[in-house]
All heavy atoms as atom14 arrays in JSON, in Angstrom:
{
  "sequence": "EELIINWTVSYMLNQNEYLTPVRDMMGKGGELAHKFERLYDLITQNYS",
  "atom14_mask": [
    [1, 1, 1, 1, 1, 1, 1, 1, 1, 0, 0, 0, 0, 0],
    [1, 1, 1, 1, 1, 1, 1, 1, 1, 0, 0, 0, 0, 0],
    [1, 1, 1, 1, 1, 1, 1, 1, 0, 0, 0, 0, 0, 0],
    [1, 1, 1, 1, 1, 1, 1, 1, 0, 0, 0, 0, 0, 0],
    [1, 1, 1, 1, 1, 1, 1, 1, 0, 0, 0, 0, 0, 0],
    [1, 1, 1, 1, 1, 1, 1, 1, 0, 0, 0, 0, 0, 0],
    [1, 1, 1, 1, 1, 1, 1, 1, 1, 1, 1, 1, 1, 1],
    [1, 1, 1, 1, 1, 1, 1, 0, 0, 0, 0, 0, 0, 0],
    [1, 1, 1, 1, 1, 1, 1, 0, 0, 0, 0, 0, 0, 0],
    [1, 1, 1, 1, 1, 1, 0, 0, 0, 0, 0, 0, 0, 0],
    [1, 1, 1, 1, 1, 1, 1, 1, 1, 1, 1, 1, 0, 0],
    [1, 1, 1, 1, 1, 1, 1, 1, 0, 0, 0, 0, 0, 0],
    [1, 1, 1, 1, 1, 1, 1, 1, 0, 0, 0, 0, 0, 0],
    [1, 1, 1, 1, 1, 1, 1, 1, 0, 0, 0, 0, 0, 0],
    [1, 1, 1, 1, 1, 1, 1, 1, 1, 0, 0, 0, 0, 0],
    [1, 1, 1, 1, 1, 1, 1, 1, 0, 0, 0, 0, 0, 0],
    [1, 1, 1, 1, 1, 1, 1, 1, 1, 0, 0, 0, 0, 0],
    [1, 1, 1, 1, 1, 1, 1, 1, 1, 1, 1, 1, 0, 0],
    [1, 1, 1, 1, 1, 1, 1, 1, 0, 0, 0, 0, 0, 0],
    [1, 1, 1, 1, 1, 1, 1, 0, 0, 0, 0, 0, 0, 0],
    [1, 1, 1, 1, 1, 1, 1, 0, 0, 0, 0, 0, 0, 0],
    [1, 1, 1, 1, 1, 1, 1, 0, 0, 0, 0, 0, 0, 0],
    [1, 1, 1, 1, 1, 1, 1, 1, 1, 1, 1, 0, 0, 0],
    [1, 1, 1, 1, 1, 1, 1, 1, 0, 0, 0, 0, 0, 0],
    [1, 1, 1, 1, 1, 1, 1, 1, 0, 0, 0, 0, 0, 0],
    [1, 1, 1, 1, 1, 1, 1, 1, 0, 0, 0, 0, 0, 0],
    [1, 1, 1, 1, 0, 0, 0, 0, 0, 0, 0, 0, 0, 0],
    [1, 1, 1, 1, 1, 1, 1, 1, 1, 0, 0, 0, 0, 0],
    [1, 1, 1, 1, 0, 0, 0, 0, 0, 0, 0, 0, 0, 0],
    [1, 1, 1, 1, 0, 0, 0, 0, 0, 0, 0, 0, 0, 0],
    [1, 1, 1, 1, 1, 1, 1, 1, 1, 0, 0, 0, 0, 0],
    [1, 1, 1, 1, 1, 1, 1, 1, 0, 0, 0, 0, 0, 0],
    [1, 1, 1, 1, 1, 0, 0, 0, 0, 0, 0, 0, 0, 0],
    [1, 1, 1, 1, 1, 1, 1, 1, 1, 1, 0, 0, 0, 0],
    [1, 1, 1, 1, 1, 1, 1, 1, 1, 0, 0, 0, 0, 0],
    [1, 1, 1, 1, 1, 1, 1, 1, 1, 1, 1, 0, 0, 0],
    [1, 1, 1, 1, 1, 1, 1, 1, 1, 0, 0, 0, 0, 0],
    [1, 1, 1, 1, 1, 1, 1, 1, 1, 1, 1, 0, 0, 0],
    [1, 1, 1, 1, 1, 1, 1, 1, 0, 0, 0, 0, 0, 0],
    [1, 1, 1, 1, 1, 1, 1, 1, 1, 1, 1, 1, 0, 0],
    [1, 1, 1, 1, 1, 1, 1, 1, 0, 0, 0, 0, 0, 0],
    [1, 1, 1, 1, 1, 1, 1, 1, 0, 0, 0, 0, 0, 0],
    [1, 1, 1, 1, 1, 1, 1, 1, 0, 0, 0, 0, 0, 0],
    [1, 1, 1, 1, 1, 1, 1, 0, 0, 0, 0, 0, 0, 0],
    [1, 1, 1, 1, 1, 1, 1, 1, 1, 0, 0, 0, 0, 0],
    [1, 1, 1, 1, 1, 1, 1, 1, 0, 0, 0, 0, 0, 0],
    [1, 1, 1, 1, 1, 1, 1, 1, 1, 1, 1, 1, 0, 0],
    [1, 1, 1, 1, 1, 1, 0, 0, 0, 0, 0, 0, 0, 0]
  ],
  "atom14_positions": [
    [[3.45, 2.02, 8.73], [2.49, 2.42, 9.75], [2.36, 3.9, 10.01], [1.23, 4.43, 9.93], [2.83, 1.72, 11.07], [2.52, 0.22, 11.04], [2.77, -0.51, 12.37], [2.75, 0.16, 13.43], [2.99, -1.71, 12.34], [0.0, 0.0, 0.0], [0.0, 0.0, 0.0], [0.0, 0.0, 0.0], [0.0, 0.0, 0.0], [0.0, 0.0, 0.0]],
    [[3.46, 4.55, 10.37], [3.38, 5.96, 10.68], [2.88, 6.81, 9.5], [2.15, 7.8, 9.7], [4.66, 6.48, 11.27], [5.04, 5.87, 12.62], [3.9, 6.05, 13.65], [3.36, 7.18, 13.81], [3.59, 5.03, 14.31], [0.0, 0.0, 0.0], [0.0, 0.0, 0.0], [0.0, 0.0, 0.0], [0.0, 0.0, 0.0], [0.0, 0.0, 0.0]],
    [[3.34, 6.47, 8.33], [2.91, 7.22, 7.15], [1.43, 6.97, 6.77], [0.74, 7.89, 6.36], [3.81, 6.89, 5.98], [5.29, 7.32, 6.09], [6.12, 6.79, 4.93], [5.36, 8.87, 6.1], [0.0, 0.0, 0.0], [0.0, 0.0, 0.0], [0.0, 0.0, 0.0], [0.0, 0.0, 0.0], [0.0, 0.0, 0.0], [0.0, 0.0, 0.0]],
    [[0.96, 5.78, 7.07], [-0.43, 5.52, 6.76], [-1.36, 6.31, 7.73], [-2.38, 6.91, 7.33], [-0.79, 3.99, 6.93], [-0.1, 3.18, 5.77], [-2.24, 3.74, 6.93], [-0.24, 1.7, 5.92], [0.0, 0.0, 0.0], [0.0, 0.0, 0.0], [0.0, 0.0, 0.0], [0.0, 0.0, 0.0], [0.0, 0.0, 0.0], [0.0, 0.0, 0.0]],
    [[-1.03, 6.32, 8.99], [-1.95, 6.95, 9.93], [-1.79, 8.45, 10.02], [-2.55, 9.16, 10.72], [-1.84, 6.33, 11.38], [-0.48, 6.52, 11.93], [-2.24, 4.92, 11.31], [-0.36, 6.14, 13.41], [0.0, 0.0, 0.0], [0.0, 0.0, 0.0], [0.0, 0.0, 0.0], [0.0, 0.0, 0.0], [0.0, 0.0, 0.0], [0.0, 0.0, 0.0]],
    [[-0.8, 9.05, 9.31], [-0.63, 10.44, 9.25], [-1.0, 10.85, 7.86], [-0.11, 10.99, 6.99], [0.76, 10.81, 9.61], [1.07, 10.63, 11.13], [0.43, 11.26, 11.92], [1.9, 9.71, 11.38], [0.0, 0.0, 0.0], [0.0, 0.0, 0.0], [0.0, 0.0, 0.0], [0.0, 0.0, 0.0], [0.0, 0.0, 0.0], [0.0, 0.0, 0.0]],
    [[-2.32, 10.97, 7.59], [-2.86, 11.13, 6.22], [-2.18, 12.35, 5.42], [-2.15, 12.31, 4.22], [-4.29, 11.26, 6.18], [-4.91, 12.35, 6.9], [-5.31, 12.48, 8.2], [-5.13, 13.7, 6.37], [-5.75, 13.76, 8.54], [-5.69, 14.54, 7.36], [-4.98, 14.27, 5.14], [-6.05, 15.83, 7.17], [-5.32, 15.63, 4.91], [-5.86, 16.36, 5.95]],
    [[-1.73, 13.33, 6.15], [-1.12, 14.45, 5.43], [0.2, 14.16, 4.77], [0.59, 14.87, 3.86], [-0.89, 15.7, 6.41], [-0.01, 15.24, 7.49], [-2.17, 16.18, 6.96], [0.0, 0.0, 0.0], [0.0, 0.0, 0.0], [0.0, 0.0, 0.0], [0.0, 0.0, 0.0], [0.0, 0.0, 0.0], [0.0, 0.0, 0.0], [0.0, 0.0, 0.0]],
    [[0.84, 13.05, 5.17], [2.1, 12.65, 4.56], [2.03, 11.23, 3.94], [3.08, 10.76, 3.5], [3.26, 12.79, 5.55], [3.58, 14.2, 5.95], [3.03, 11.91, 6.8], [0.0, 0.0, 0.0], [0.0, 0.0, 0.0], [0.0, 0.0, 0.0], [0.0, 0.0, 0.0], [0.0, 0.0, 0.0], [0.0, 0.0, 0.0], [0.0, 0.0, 0.0]],
    [[0.88, 10.66, 3.95], [0.78, 9.29, 3.42], [1.14, 9.17, 1.89], [1.51, 8.05, 1.47], [-0.63, 8.69, 3.69], [-1.61, 9.42, 3.01], [0.0, 0.0, 0.0], [0.0, 0.0, 0.0], [0.0, 0.0, 0.0], [0.0, 0.0, 0.0], [0.0, 0.0, 0.0], [0.0, 0.0, 0.0], [0.0, 0.0, 0.0], [0.0, 0.0, 0.0]],
    [[1.07, 10.27, 1.22], [1.46, 10.26, -0.19], [2.96, 9.84, -0.38], [3.33, 9.36, -1.44], [1.25, 11.62, -0.83], [2.2, 12.71, -0.3], [3.45, 12.92, -0.89], [1.88, 13.48, 0.8], [4.32, 13.83, -0.42], [2.73, 14.41, 1.32], [3.94, 14.58, 0.73], [4.92, 15.51, 1.23], [0.0, 0.0, 0.0], [0.0, 0.0, 0.0]],
    [[3.73, 9.96, 0.67], [5.16, 9.61, 0.6], [5.34, 8.08, 0.39], [6.41, 7.63, -0.1], [5.89, 10.01, 1.85], [5.94, 11.59, 1.98], [6.61, 12.16, 3.52], [8.24, 11.48, 3.45], [0.0, 0.0, 0.0], [0.0, 0.0, 0.0], [0.0, 0.0, 0.0], [0.0, 0.0, 0.0], [0.0, 0.0, 0.0], [0.0, 0.0, 0.0]],
    [[4.28, 7.32, 0.59], [4.33, 5.88, 0.35], [4.29, 5.53, -1.13], [4.55, 4.4, -1.47], [3.2, 5.14, 1.09], [3.32, 5.09, 2.59], [2.03, 4.7, 3.18], [4.44, 4.28, 3.06], [0.0, 0.0, 0.0], [0.0, 0.0, 0.0], [0.0, 0.0, 0.0], [0.0, 0.0, 0.0], [0.0, 0.0, 0.0], [0.0, 0.0, 0.0]],
    [[3.99, 6.48, -1.94], [3.96, 6.29, -3.41], [5.35, 6.29, -4.06], [5.66, 6.98, -5.01], [3.12, 7.37, -4.1], [1.64, 7.0, -4.11], [1.32, 5.92, -4.67], [0.83, 7.78, -3.53], [0.0, 0.0, 0.0], [0.0, 0.0, 0.0], [0.0, 0.0, 0.0], [0.0, 0.0, 0.0], [0.0, 0.0, 0.0], [0.0, 0.0, 0.0]],
    [[6.26, 5.48, -3.51], [7.59, 5.29, -3.96], [7.83, 3.81, -4.18], [7.27, 2.99, -3.44], [8.59, 5.92, -3.01], [8.42, 7.42, -2.7], [9.32, 7.84, -1.7], [10.54, 7.55, -1.73], [8.87, 8.58, -0.7], [0.0, 0.0, 0.0], [0.0, 0.0, 0.0], [0.0, 0.0, 0.0], [0.0, 0.0, 0.0], [0.0, 0.0, 0.0]],
    [[8.74, 3.5, -5.11], [8.99, 2.07, -5.4], [9.45, 1.32, -4.19], [9.14, 0.1, -4.07], [10.05, 1.98, -6.53], [9.34, 2.14, -7.89], [8.1, 1.9, -8.01], [10.12, 2.53, -8.89], [0.0, 0.0, 0.0], [0.0, 0.0, 0.0], [0.0, 0.0, 0.0], [0.0, 0.0, 0.0], [0.0, 0.0, 0.0], [0.0, 0.0, 0.0]],
    [[10.2, 1.92, -3.32], [10.66, 1.16, -2.11], [9.53, 0.6, -1.28], [9.66, -0.41, -0.62], [11.61, 2.0, -1.29], [10.94, 3.14, -0.55], [11.95, 3.9, 0.31], [12.38, 3.38, 1.37], [12.23, 5.04, -0.01], [0.0, 0.0, 0.0], [0.0, 0.0, 0.0], [0.0, 0.0, 0.0], [0.0, 0.0, 0.0], [0.0, 0.0, 0.0]],
    [[8.38, 1.29, -1.29], [7.2, 0.82, -0.6], [6.28, -0.03, -1.46], [5.76, -1.08, -0.98], [6.43, 2.02, -0.04], [7.13, 2.82, 0.99], [7.67, 4.1, 0.67], [7.39, 2.32, 2.28], [8.33, 4.86, 1.63], [8.06, 3.06, 3.22], [8.53, 4.35, 2.89], [9.22, 5.1, 3.78], [0.0, 0.0, 0.0], [0.0, 0.0, 0.0]],
    [[6.11, 0.46, -2.7], [5.12, -0.27, -3.59], [5.67, -1.64, -4.14], [4.79, -2.49, -4.28], [4.75, 0.68, -4.67], [3.98, 1.98, -4.32], [3.7, 2.81, -5.52], [2.67, 1.57, -3.61], [0.0, 0.0, 0.0], [0.0, 0.0, 0.0], [0.0, 0.0, 0.0], [0.0, 0.0, 0.0], [0.0, 0.0, 0.0], [0.0, 0.0, 0.0]],
    [[6.93, -1.78, -4.26], [7.46, -3.02, -4.84], [7.11, -4.23, -3.91], [6.58, -5.21, -4.42], [8.97, -2.91, -5.12], [9.13, -1.93, -6.05], [9.51, -4.22, -5.62], [0.0, 0.0, 0.0], [0.0, 0.0, 0.0], [0.0, 0.0, 0.0], [0.0, 0.0, 0.0], [0.0, 0.0, 0.0], [0.0, 0.0, 0.0], [0.0, 0.0, 0.0]],
    [[7.36, -4.12, -2.6], [7.01, -5.27, -1.77], [5.47, -5.51, -1.75], [4.99, -6.63, -1.64], [7.55, -4.98, -0.4], [8.08, -3.59, -0.43], [8.14, -3.16, -1.86], [0.0, 0.0, 0.0], [0.0, 0.0, 0.0], [0.0, 0.0, 0.0], [0.0, 0.0, 0.0], [0.0, 0.0, 0.0], [0.0, 0.0, 0.0], [0.0, 0.0, 0.0]],
    [[4.72, -4.42, -1.75], [3.25, -4.54, -1.76], [2.83, -5.28, -3.03], [1.99, -6.23, -2.99], [2.56, -3.18, -1.63], [1.05, -3.33, -1.79], [2.89, -2.54, -0.3], [0.0, 0.0, 0.0], [0.0, 0.0, 0.0], [0.0, 0.0, 0.0], [0.0, 0.0, 0.0], [0.0, 0.0, 0.0], [0.0, 0.0, 0.0], [0.0, 0.0, 0.0]],
    [[3.34, -4.9, -4.14], [2.98, -5.55, -5.44], [3.4, -7.02, -5.42], [2.65, -7.89, -5.91], [3.66, -4.86, -6.61], [3.09, -3.59, -7.01], [3.68, -3.07, -8.3], [3.43, -1.68, -8.5], [4.31, -0.68, -8.32], [5.52, -0.9, -8.04], [3.98, 0.6, -8.54], [0.0, 0.0, 0.0], [0.0, 0.0, 0.0], [0.0, 0.0, 0.0]],
    [[4.54, -7.33, -4.82], [4.95, -8.7, -4.65], [3.94, -9.52, -3.87], [3.59, -10.63, -4.28], [6.35, -8.79, -4.04], [6.89, -10.22, -3.97], [6.91, -10.86, -4.99], [7.24, -10.68, -2.82], [0.0, 0.0, 0.0], [0.0, 0.0, 0.0], [0.0, 0.0, 0.0], [0.0, 0.0, 0.0], [0.0, 0.0, 0.0], [0.0, 0.0, 0.0]],
    [[3.47, -8.96, -2.78], [2.47, -9.63, -1.95], [1.17, -9.76, -2.68], [0.44, -10.75, -2.54], [2.3, -8.92, -0.65], [3.49, -8.92, 0.27], [4.06, -10.56, 0.82], [2.95, -10.86, 2.1], [0.0, 0.0, 0.0], [0.0, 0.0, 0.0], [0.0, 0.0, 0.0], [0.0, 0.0, 0.0], [0.0, 0.0, 0.0], [0.0, 0.0, 0.0]],
    [[0.85, -8.81, -3.48], [-0.43, -8.87, -4.3], [-0.41, -10.02, -5.3], [-1.39, -10.67, -5.57], [-0.65, -7.55, -5.03], [-1.09, -6.44, -4.15], [-1.0, -4.8, -4.98], [-2.04, -5.03, -6.45], [0.0, 0.0, 0.0], [0.0, 0.0, 0.0], [0.0, 0.0, 0.0], [0.0, 0.0, 0.0], [0.0, 0.0, 0.0], [0.0, 0.0, 0.0]],
    [[0.8, -10.36, -5.75], [0.99, -11.43, -6.69], [0.92, -12.82, -6.09], [0.86, -13.84, -6.83], [0.0, 0.0, 0.0], [0.0, 0.0, 0.0], [0.0, 0.0, 0.0], [0.0, 0.0, 0.0], [0.0, 0.0, 0.0], [0.0, 0.0, 0.0], [0.0, 0.0, 0.0], [0.0, 0.0, 0.0], [0.0, 0.0, 0.0], [0.0, 0.0, 0.0]],
    [[0.79, -12.95, -4.81], [0.73, -14.22, -4.06], [-0.61, -14.9, -4.27], [-0.76, -16.12, -4.09], [1.11, -14.11, -2.67], [2.42, -13.45, -2.34], [3.63, -14.27, -2.74], [4.87, -13.6, -2.29], [6.07, -14.16, -2.92], [0.0, 0.0, 0.0], [0.0, 0.0, 0.0], [0.0, 0.0, 0.0], [0.0, 0.0, 0.0], [0.0, 0.0, 0.0]],
    [[-1.67, -14.12, -4.55], [-2.94, -14.63, -4.73], [-3.71, -14.84, -3.44], [-3.14, -14.66, -2.33], [0.0, 0.0, 0.0], [0.0, 0.0, 0.0], [0.0, 0.0, 0.0], [0.0, 0.0, 0.0], [0.0, 0.0, 0.0], [0.0, 0.0, 0.0], [0.0, 0.0, 0.0], [0.0, 0.0, 0.0], [0.0, 0.0, 0.0], [0.0, 0.0, 0.0]],
    [[-5.0, -15.21, -3.52], [-5.81, -15.54, -2.35], [-6.15, -14.35, -1.49], [-6.07, -13.19, -1.91], [0.0, 0.0, 0.0], [0.0, 0.0, 0.0], [0.0, 0.0, 0.0], [0.0, 0.0, 0.0], [0.0, 0.0, 0.0], [0.0, 0.0, 0.0], [0.0, 0.0, 0.0], [0.0, 0.0, 0.0], [0.0, 0.0, 0.0], [0.0, 0.0, 0.0]],
    [[-6.47, -14.63, -0.22], [-6.8, -13.63, 0.75], [-5.65, -12.68, 1.02], [-5.85, -11.5, 1.22], [-7.3, -14.23, 2.04], [-7.68, -13.25, 3.17], [-8.83, -12.26, 2.71], [-9.65, -12.54, 1.93], [-8.78, -11.17, 3.22], [0.0, 0.0, 0.0], [0.0, 0.0, 0.0], [0.0, 0.0, 0.0], [0.0, 0.0, 0.0], [0.0, 0.0, 0.0]],
    [[-4.46, -13.23, 0.95], [-3.24, -12.42, 1.11], [-3.21, -11.32, 0.06], [-2.94, -10.14, 0.4], [-2.02, -13.31, 1.02], [-0.69, -12.71, 1.39], [-0.67, -12.35, 2.92], [0.44, -13.65, 1.08], [0.0, 0.0, 0.0], [0.0, 0.0, 0.0], [0.0, 0.0, 0.0], [0.0, 0.0, 0.0], [0.0, 0.0, 0.0], [0.0, 0.0, 0.0]],
    [[-3.5, -11.63, -1.16], [-3.5, -10.64, -2.25], [-4.56, -9.55, -1.95], [-4.27, -8.41, -2.19], [-3.74, -11.32, -3.54], [0.0, 0.0, 0.0], [0.0, 0.0, 0.0], [0.0, 0.0, 0.0], [0.0, 0.0, 0.0], [0.0, 0.0, 0.0], [0.0, 0.0, 0.0], [0.0, 0.0, 0.0], [0.0, 0.0, 0.0], [0.0, 0.0, 0.0]],
    [[-5.68, -9.99, -1.43], [-6.77, -8.99, -1.2], [-6.33, -7.93, -0.15], [-6.6, -6.76, -0.27], [-8.06, -9.67, -0.75], [-8.72, -10.44, -1.81], [-9.18, -9.88, -3.01], [-8.96, -11.77, -1.87], [-9.7, -10.81, -3.77], [-9.57, -11.98, -3.09], [0.0, 0.0, 0.0], [0.0, 0.0, 0.0], [0.0, 0.0, 0.0], [0.0, 0.0, 0.0]],
    [[-5.65, -8.47, 0.89], [-5.16, -7.53, 1.94], [-4.21, -6.5, 1.29], [-4.29, -5.27, 1.62], [-4.42, -8.29, 3.04], [-5.35, -9.08, 3.9], [-4.62, -9.82, 4.97], [-5.55, -10.6, 5.88], [-4.84, -11.24, 7.04], [0.0, 0.0, 0.0], [0.0, 0.0, 0.0], [0.0, 0.0, 0.0], [0.0, 0.0, 0.0], [0.0, 0.0, 0.0]],
    [[-3.27, -6.97, 0.54], [-2.31, -6.04, -0.09], [-2.84, -5.24, -1.17], [-2.33, -4.13, -1.44], [-1.01, -6.84, -0.38], [-0.26, -7.17, 0.85], [-0.43, -8.42, 1.44], [0.62, -6.26, 1.37], [0.25, -8.68, 2.65], [1.32, -6.56, 2.59], [1.14, -7.79, 3.18], [0.0, 0.0, 0.0], [0.0, 0.0, 0.0], [0.0, 0.0, 0.0]],
    [[-3.92, -5.66, -1.83], [-4.6, -4.79, -2.82], [-5.25, -3.61, -2.04], [-5.24, -2.53, -2.54], [-5.66, -5.63, -3.53], [-5.06, -6.57, -4.52], [-6.13, -7.53, -5.08], [-7.32, -7.49, -4.73], [-5.7, -8.47, -5.88], [0.0, 0.0, 0.0], [0.0, 0.0, 0.0], [0.0, 0.0, 0.0], [0.0, 0.0, 0.0], [0.0, 0.0, 0.0]],
    [[-5.81, -3.91, -0.88], [-6.33, -2.77, -0.08], [-5.21, -1.8, 0.3], [-5.43, -0.56, 0.19], [-6.92, -3.34, 1.25], [-8.19, -4.08, 1.12], [-8.73, -4.44, 2.48], [-9.84, -5.34, 2.38], [-9.89, -6.59, 2.77], [-8.84, -7.12, 3.36], [-10.94, -7.31, 2.63], [0.0, 0.0, 0.0], [0.0, 0.0, 0.0], [0.0, 0.0, 0.0]],
    [[-4.09, -2.3, 0.71], [-3.0, -1.48, 1.06], [-2.52, -0.64, -0.17], [-2.22, 0.58, -0.06], [-1.86, -2.26, 1.64], [-0.53, -1.54, 2.03], [-0.92, -0.47, 3.1], [0.53, -2.49, 2.56], [0.0, 0.0, 0.0], [0.0, 0.0, 0.0], [0.0, 0.0, 0.0], [0.0, 0.0, 0.0], [0.0, 0.0, 0.0], [0.0, 0.0, 0.0]],
    [[-2.42, -1.35, -1.31], [-1.96, -0.67, -2.55], [-2.96, 0.47, -2.88], [-2.52, 1.6, -3.18], [-1.91, -1.69, -3.64], [-1.38, -1.15, -4.94], [0.01, -1.01, -5.1], [-2.18, -0.77, -5.97], [0.52, -0.5, -6.29], [-1.71, -0.24, -7.17], [-0.34, -0.11, -7.3], [0.17, 0.35, -8.53], [0.0, 0.0, 0.0], [0.0, 0.0, 0.0]],
    [[-4.24, 0.23, -2.79], [-5.25, 1.21, -3.09], [-5.15, 2.36, -2.09], [-5.29, 3.5, -2.5], [-6.65, 0.59, -3.16], [-6.94, -0.24, -4.32], [-6.15, -0.25, -5.28], [-7.91, -1.02, -4.31], [0.0, 0.0, 0.0], [0.0, 0.0, 0.0], [0.0, 0.0, 0.0], [0.0, 0.0, 0.0], [0.0, 0.0, 0.0], [0.0, 0.0, 0.0]],
    [[-5.03, 2.07, -0.84], [-4.9, 3.08, 0.17], [-3.75, 3.99, -0.12], [-3.89, 5.26, -0.02], [-4.75, 2.42, 1.54], [-4.58, 3.36, 2.74], [-5.92, 3.78, 3.2], [-3.8, 2.69, 3.89], [0.0, 0.0, 0.0], [0.0, 0.0, 0.0], [0.0, 0.0, 0.0], [0.0, 0.0, 0.0], [0.0, 0.0, 0.0], [0.0, 0.0, 0.0]],
    [[-2.64, 3.39, -0.52], [-1.43, 4.19, -0.86], [-1.58, 4.99, -2.12], [-1.42, 6.18, -2.14], [-0.18, 3.28, -0.9], [0.14, 2.71, 0.47], [1.01, 4.07, -1.45], [1.17, 1.61, 0.48], [0.0, 0.0, 0.0], [0.0, 0.0, 0.0], [0.0, 0.0, 0.0], [0.0, 0.0, 0.0], [0.0, 0.0, 0.0], [0.0, 0.0, 0.0]],
    [[-1.85, 4.29, -3.21], [-1.87, 4.9, -4.49], [-2.94, 5.88, -4.74], [-2.81, 6.84, -5.54], [-1.8, 3.86, -5.65], [-2.98, 3.05, -5.54], [-0.57, 3.02, -5.54], [0.0, 0.0, 0.0], [0.0, 0.0, 0.0], [0.0, 0.0, 0.0], [0.0, 0.0, 0.0], [0.0, 0.0, 0.0], [0.0, 0.0, 0.0], [0.0, 0.0, 0.0]],
    [[-4.08, 5.7, -4.07], [-5.19, 6.62, -4.17], [-5.27, 7.64, -3.09], [-6.19, 8.4, -2.99], [-6.55, 5.83, -4.29], [-6.57, 4.85, -5.41], [-6.41, 5.52, -6.76], [-7.01, 6.54, -7.05], [-5.55, 4.93, -7.64], [0.0, 0.0, 0.0], [0.0, 0.0, 0.0], [0.0, 0.0, 0.0], [0.0, 0.0, 0.0], [0.0, 0.0, 0.0]],
    [[-4.3, 7.55, -2.11], [-4.2, 8.46, -1.03], [-5.54, 8.5, -0.2], [-6.1, 9.58, 0.06], [-3.79, 9.89, -1.51], [-3.18, 10.7, -0.37], [-2.64, 10.13, 0.58], [-3.25, 11.96, -0.54], [0.0, 0.0, 0.0], [0.0, 0.0, 0.0], [0.0, 0.0, 0.0], [0.0, 0.0, 0.0], [0.0, 0.0, 0.0], [0.0, 0.0, 0.0]],
    [[-5.97, 7.27, 0.18], [-7.3, 7.15, 0.88], [-7.19, 7.3, 2.39], [-8.19, 7.16, 3.02], [-7.88, 5.77, 0.53], [-8.5, 5.65, -0.82], [-8.42, 4.47, -1.53], [-9.24, 6.68, -1.43], [-9.05, 4.3, -2.75], [-9.76, 6.57, -2.67], [-9.66, 5.34, -3.32], [-10.25, 5.25, -4.57], [0.0, 0.0, 0.0], [0.0, 0.0, 0.0]],
    [[-6.04, 7.57, 2.94], [-5.97, 7.64, 4.39], [-6.95, 8.61, 5.02], [-7.58, 8.37, 6.04], [-4.52, 7.92, 4.85], [-3.72, 6.85, 4.71], [0.0, 0.0, 0.0], [0.0, 0.0, 0.0], [0.0, 0.0, 0.0], [0.0, 0.0, 0.0], [0.0, 0.0, 0.0], [0.0, 0.0, 0.0], [0.0, 0.0, 0.0], [0.0, 0.0, 0.0]]
  ]
}
């Protein structure tokens, strides 16, 4: 949360400790996967 809403430091989420659980949720499929795909894109593309 705090790293997402503070866009100047949101790049810090680009670490395995954050991305691994997000990838796991993306693998669940369905609407759940779509939510976490958004989160993944927000993090990896630094879209905050």
